[in-house]
Amino acid sequence: MARPACILSVLLLLSACGRPATVQECEEIASRVATLEYEAASKSQSPPQPDQIKTIRARVHEAMTKGCVGKRITERALQCVRNAKTADAIQKVCFD
């Protein structure tokens, strides 16, 4: 699961060039990160329970939307988020 530091790194990297991110785009990023974290967790020995899934989504959504809306983002970064295979890839590849 992504740590708060990873999420913060993504948010800081959003401030690079591009245009201001919309609420919808930030929600899309948050949803994608949460989905990838869930998929990674479900591959572990003990799959996450429904309440854990809600917690993952709420944590990621809150962190992403607080520091995301209005920050600079590019279309390339958004497309990368959409195609990412892991939450870490979003941080390390999409917002590098």
C-alpha atoms as a PDB file:
ATOM      1  CA  MET A   1       0.000   0.000   0.000  1.00  0.00           C
ATOM      2  CA  ALA A   2       1.219   3.489  -0.733  1.00  0.00           C
ATOM      3  CA  ARG A   3       2.529   5.352   2.227  1.00  0.00           C
ATOM      4  CA  PRO A   4       1.563   8.986   2.889  1.00  0.00           C
ATOM      5  CA  ALA A   5       5.054  10.006   1.751  1.00  0.00           C
ATOM      6  CA  CYS A   6       4.440   8.386  -1.654  1.00  0.00           C
ATOM      7  CA  ILE A   7       1.141  10.166  -2.025  1.00  0.00           C
ATOM      8  CA  LEU A   8       2.760  13.456  -1.041  1.00  0.00           C
ATOM      9  CA  SER A   9       5.475  12.902  -3.651  1.00  0.00           C
ATOM     10  CA  VAL A  10       2.843  12.454  -6.342  1.00  0.00           C
ATOM     11  CA  LEU A  11       1.121  15.640  -5.233  1.00  0.00           C
ATOM     12  CA  LEU A  12       4.349  17.629  -5.297  1.00  0.00           C
ATOM     13  CA  LEU A  13       5.214  16.331  -8.730  1.00  0.00           C
ATOM     14  CA  LEU A  14       1.833  17.484  -9.994  1.00  0.00           C
ATOM     15  CA  SER A  15       3.078  21.032  -9.517  1.00  0.00           C
ATOM     16  CA  ALA A  16       5.420  20.767 -12.527  1.00  0.00           C
ATOM     17  CA  CYS A  17       4.418  22.112 -15.976  1.00  0.00           C
ATOM     18  CA  GLY A  18       1.043  21.523 -17.595  1.00  0.00           C
ATOM     19  CA  ARG A  19      -2.311  22.976 -16.632  1.00  0.00           C
ATOM     20  CA  PRO A  20      -4.321  23.058 -13.399  1.00  0.00           C
ATOM     21  CA  ALA A  21      -5.802  19.671 -12.489  1.00  0.00           C
ATOM     22  CA  THR A  22      -9.568  19.485 -12.170  1.00  0.00           C
ATOM     23  CA  VAL A  23     -11.540  17.815  -9.385  1.00  0.00           C
ATOM     24  CA  GLN A  24     -12.530  15.069 -11.832  1.00  0.00           C
ATOM     25  CA  GLU A  25      -8.897  14.396 -12.805  1.00  0.00           C
ATOM     26  CA  CYS A  26      -7.794  14.262  -9.167  1.00  0.00           C
ATOM     27  CA  GLU A  27     -10.621  11.866  -8.365  1.00  0.00           C
ATOM     28  CA  GLU A  28      -9.558   9.708 -11.308  1.00  0.00           C
ATOM     29  CA  ILE A  29      -5.976   9.586 -10.014  1.00  0.00           C
ATOM     30  CA  ALA A  30      -7.157   8.777  -6.488  1.00  0.00           C
ATOM     31  CA  SER A  31      -9.453   6.048  -7.755  1.00  0.00           C
ATOM     32  CA  ARG A  32      -6.690   4.519  -9.863  1.00  0.00           C
ATOM     33  CA  VAL A  33      -4.213   4.500  -6.962  1.00  0.00           C
ATOM     34  CA  ALA A  34      -6.834   2.935  -4.665  1.00  0.00           C
ATOM     35  CA  THR A  35      -7.686   0.290  -7.257  1.00  0.00           C
ATOM     36  CA  LEU A  36      -4.040  -0.619  -7.758  1.00  0.00           C
ATOM     37  CA  GLU A  37      -3.450  -0.768  -3.994  1.00  0.00           C
ATOM     38  CA  TYR A  38      -6.478  -3.032  -3.609  1.00  0.00           C
ATOM     39  CA  GLU A  39      -5.243  -5.319  -6.394  1.00  0.00           C
ATOM     40  CA  ALA A  40      -1.808  -5.537  -4.792  1.00  0.00           C
ATOM     41  CA  ALA A  41      -3.321  -6.257  -1.370  1.00  0.00           C
ATOM     42  CA  SER A  42      -5.630  -8.926  -2.750  1.00  0.00           C
ATOM     43  CA  LYS A  43      -2.602 -10.831  -4.068  1.00  0.00           C
ATOM     44  CA  SER A  44      -1.199 -11.137  -0.556  1.00  0.00           C
ATOM     45  CA  GLN A  45      -1.874 -14.177   1.611  1.00  0.00           C
ATOM     46  CA  SER A  46      -4.904 -12.575   3.235  1.00  0.00           C
ATOM     47  CA  PRO A  47      -7.118 -10.586   0.875  1.00  0.00           C
ATOM     48  CA  PRO A  48      -8.403  -7.249   2.192  1.00  0.00           C
ATOM     49  CA  GLN A  49     -11.833  -7.199   3.773  1.00  0.00           C
ATOM     50  CA  PRO A  50     -14.550  -4.784   2.552  1.00  0.00           C
ATOM     51  CA  ASP A  51     -13.860  -2.352   5.404  1.00  0.00           C
ATOM     52  CA  GLN A  52     -10.175  -2.334   4.453  1.00  0.00           C
ATOM     53  CA  ILE A  53     -11.103  -1.497   0.873  1.00  0.00           C
ATOM     54  CA  LYS A  54     -13.171   1.463   2.071  1.00  0.00           C
ATOM     55  CA  THR A  55     -10.255   2.610   4.205  1.00  0.00           C
ATOM     56  CA  ILE A  56      -7.835   2.403   1.269  1.00  0.00           C
ATOM     57  CA  ARG A  57     -10.157   4.378  -0.980  1.00  0.00           C
ATOM     58  CA  ALA A  58     -10.911   7.023   1.666  1.00  0.00           C
ATOM     59  CA  ARG A  59      -7.241   7.528   2.559  1.00  0.00           C
ATOM     60  CA  VAL A  60      -6.088   7.830  -1.030  1.00  0.00           C
ATOM     61  CA  HIS A  61      -9.037   9.991  -2.072  1.00  0.00           C
ATOM     62  CA  GLU A  62      -8.567  12.439   0.802  1.00  0.00           C
ATOM     63  CA  ALA A  63      -4.825  12.775   0.263  1.00  0.00           C
ATOM     64  CA  MET A  64      -5.086  13.171  -3.511  1.00  0.00           C
ATOM     65  CA  THR A  65      -7.932  15.646  -3.635  1.00  0.00           C
ATOM     66  CA  LYS A  66      -6.558  17.884  -0.872  1.00  0.00           C
ATOM     67  CA  GLY A  67      -3.254  18.455  -2.617  1.00  0.00           C
ATOM     68  CA  CYS A  68      -4.198  17.816  -6.216  1.00  0.00           C
ATOM     69  CA  VAL A  69      -6.966  20.145  -7.394  1.00  0.00           C
ATOM     70  CA  GLY A  70      -5.445  23.165  -9.106  1.00  0.00           C
ATOM     71  CA  LYS A  71      -1.919  21.720  -9.233  1.00  0.00           C
ATOM     72  CA  ARG A  72      -0.253  21.490 -12.610  1.00  0.00           C
ATOM     73  CA  ILE A  73      -0.773  18.273 -14.589  1.00  0.00           C
ATOM     74  CA  THR A  74      -0.059  17.140 -18.137  1.00  0.00           C
ATOM     75  CA  GLU A  75      -2.041  14.914 -20.468  1.00  0.00           C
ATOM     76  CA  ARG A  76       0.971  12.601 -20.621  1.00  0.00           C
ATOM     77  CA  ALA A  77       0.859  12.144 -16.845  1.00  0.00           C
ATOM     78  CA  LEU A  78      -2.885  11.413 -16.897  1.00  0.00           C
ATOM     79  CA  GLN A  79      -2.468   8.820 -19.648  1.00  0.00           C
ATOM     80  CA  CYS A  80       0.351   7.237 -17.672  1.00  0.00           C
ATOM     81  CA  VAL A  81      -1.899   7.014 -14.592  1.00  0.00           C
ATOM     82  CA  ARG A  82      -4.572   5.307 -16.667  1.00  0.00           C
ATOM     83  CA  ASN A  83      -2.080   2.702 -17.938  1.00  0.00           C
ATOM     84  CA  ALA A  84      -0.087   2.166 -14.728  1.00  0.00           C
ATOM     85  CA  LYS A  85       0.138  -1.384 -13.419  1.00  0.00           C
ATOM     86  CA  THR A  86       1.067  -0.440  -9.819  1.00  0.00           C
ATOM     87  CA  ALA A  87       0.529   2.471  -7.444  1.00  0.00           C
ATOM     88  CA  ASP A  88       4.311   2.849  -7.193  1.00  0.00           C
ATOM     89  CA  ALA A  89       4.516   3.211 -10.971  1.00  0.00           C
ATOM     90  CA  ILE A  90       2.176   6.179 -10.790  1.00  0.00           C
ATOM     91  CA  GLN A  91       4.618   7.933  -8.492  1.00  0.00           C
ATOM     92  CA  LYS A  92       7.873   6.779 -10.079  1.00  0.00           C
ATOM     93  CA  VAL A  93       6.946   6.818 -13.767  1.00  0.00           C
ATOM     94  CA  CYS A  94       3.949   9.069 -14.316  1.00  0.00           C
ATOM     95  CA  PHE A  95       5.081  11.980 -12.183  1.00  0.00           C
ATOM     96  CA  ASP A  96       8.846  11.735 -12.655  1.00  0.00           C
END
